[in-house]
Protein backbone atom coordinates (compact mmCIF):
# COMPACT_ATOMS: atom_id res chain seq x y z
CA MET A 1 -0.02 0.00 -0.11
CA ILE A 2 2.79 2.49 0.88
CA GLU A 3 4.48 1.84 -2.59
CA ILE A 4 1.38 2.57 -4.47
CA LEU A 5 0.83 5.87 -2.39
CA ARG A 6 4.53 6.76 -2.98
CA ARG A 7 4.09 6.05 -6.90
CA PHE A 8 1.05 8.06 -6.92
CA ILE A 9 2.39 11.18 -4.97
CA ALA A 10 5.86 11.03 -6.59
CA SER A 11 4.55 10.49 -10.37
CA GLU A 12 7.40 8.19 -11.35
CA ALA A 13 7.45 6.93 -14.89
CA MET A 14 5.51 3.52 -15.11
CA PRO A 15 7.52 0.31 -14.72
CA ASP A 16 8.81 -1.26 -17.94
CA TYR A 17 6.16 -3.69 -19.04
CA ARG A 18 8.63 -6.01 -20.79
CA ILE A 19 10.53 -6.67 -17.39
CA MET A 20 6.91 -7.45 -15.81
CA ILE A 21 6.06 -9.81 -18.49
CA GLY A 22 9.55 -11.51 -18.59
CA ILE A 23 9.43 -12.17 -14.94
CA SER A 24 5.86 -13.51 -15.18
CA ILE A 25 6.73 -15.71 -17.93
CA LEU A 26 9.73 -17.21 -16.06
CA ALA A 27 7.64 -17.74 -12.93
CA LEU A 28 4.92 -19.49 -15.22
CA ILE A 29 7.62 -21.58 -16.36
CA ALA A 30 9.12 -22.65 -13.16
CA ASN A 31 5.40 -23.18 -11.36
CA SER A 32 4.67 -25.27 -14.42
CA ALA A 33 7.53 -27.71 -13.93
CA CYS A 34 6.86 -27.79 -10.26
CA LEU A 35 3.38 -28.76 -11.06
CA TYR A 36 4.36 -31.35 -13.47
CA LEU A 37 6.92 -33.01 -11.06
CA LEU A 38 4.20 -32.78 -8.38
CA GLN A 39 1.81 -34.57 -10.54
CA LYS A 40 4.33 -37.28 -11.57
CA SER A 41 4.69 -38.38 -8.19
CA LYS A 42 3.03 -41.79 -7.53
CA LYS A 43 1.44 -41.31 -4.07
CA PRO A 44 1.26 -37.64 -3.08
CA ILE A 45 0.75 -37.08 0.70
CA SER A 46 -1.70 -34.71 1.92
CA HIS A 47 0.38 -31.40 1.95
CA GLN A 48 1.38 -32.20 -1.54
CA LYS A 49 -2.32 -32.19 -2.72
CA GLY A 50 -2.53 -28.78 -1.23
CA LEU A 51 0.56 -27.65 -2.98
CA LEU A 52 -0.87 -29.02 -6.20
CA ILE A 53 -3.68 -26.94 -5.79
CA LEU A 54 -1.98 -23.71 -4.79
CA LYS A 55 0.26 -24.39 -8.04
CA GLU A 56 -2.71 -24.43 -10.29
CA LEU A 57 -3.93 -21.25 -8.85
CA THR A 58 -0.62 -19.48 -9.03
CA ILE A 59 -0.28 -20.54 -12.80
CA LEU A 60 -3.91 -19.26 -13.54
CA VAL A 61 -2.92 -15.91 -11.78
CA LEU A 62 0.46 -15.45 -13.72
CA MET A 63 -1.57 -16.29 -16.89
CA LYS A 64 -4.13 -13.63 -15.98
CA LYS A 65 -1.18 -11.08 -15.08
CA ILE A 66 0.28 -11.25 -18.52
CA LYS A 67 -3.19 -11.13 -20.21
CA ASN A 68 -3.92 -7.95 -18.34
CA THR A 69 -0.63 -6.30 -18.89
CA LEU A 70 -1.04 -6.93 -22.60
CA ASN A 71 -4.45 -5.42 -22.40
CA VAL A 72 -3.14 -2.34 -20.71
CA ILE A 73 -0.56 -1.97 -23.15
CA LYS A 74 -2.94 -2.36 -25.92
CA TYR A 75 -5.37 0.24 -24.32
CA ASN A 76 -2.39 2.72 -23.74
CA GLU A 77 -1.40 2.09 -27.56
CA ARG A 78 -4.66 3.16 -28.93
CA LYS A 79 -4.98 6.07 -26.34
CA TYR A 80 -1.91 7.46 -27.69
CA ARG A 81 -2.91 6.87 -31.42
CA LYS A 82 -6.12 8.91 -30.68
CA GLN A 83 -4.16 11.82 -29.07
CA THR A 84 -2.05 11.86 -31.94
CA GLN A 85 -4.80 11.86 -34.65
CA VAL A 86 -6.60 14.82 -32.86
CA LYS A 87 -3.40 16.78 -32.54
CA LYS A 88 -2.99 16.41 -36.55
CA HIS A 89 -6.63 17.68 -37.29
């Protein structure tokens, strides 16, 4: 919460979206590999079952994060194009 307020007040530049997407993809790969290894185990014990559920949810969240970041980029590009078109006329 403090970080959000600091960015709002200090008016810093937006974080680089390529870094955000890159880190999310790396995390997605790592979590997918962990999920694969957990699913391969012959007799999962109770805490492994819980870990399976958490890994599945983490993968879904990471995929949604990447999708939403790409949507924000697309929205900002459209907004920028509209602004430049208005200035030309």
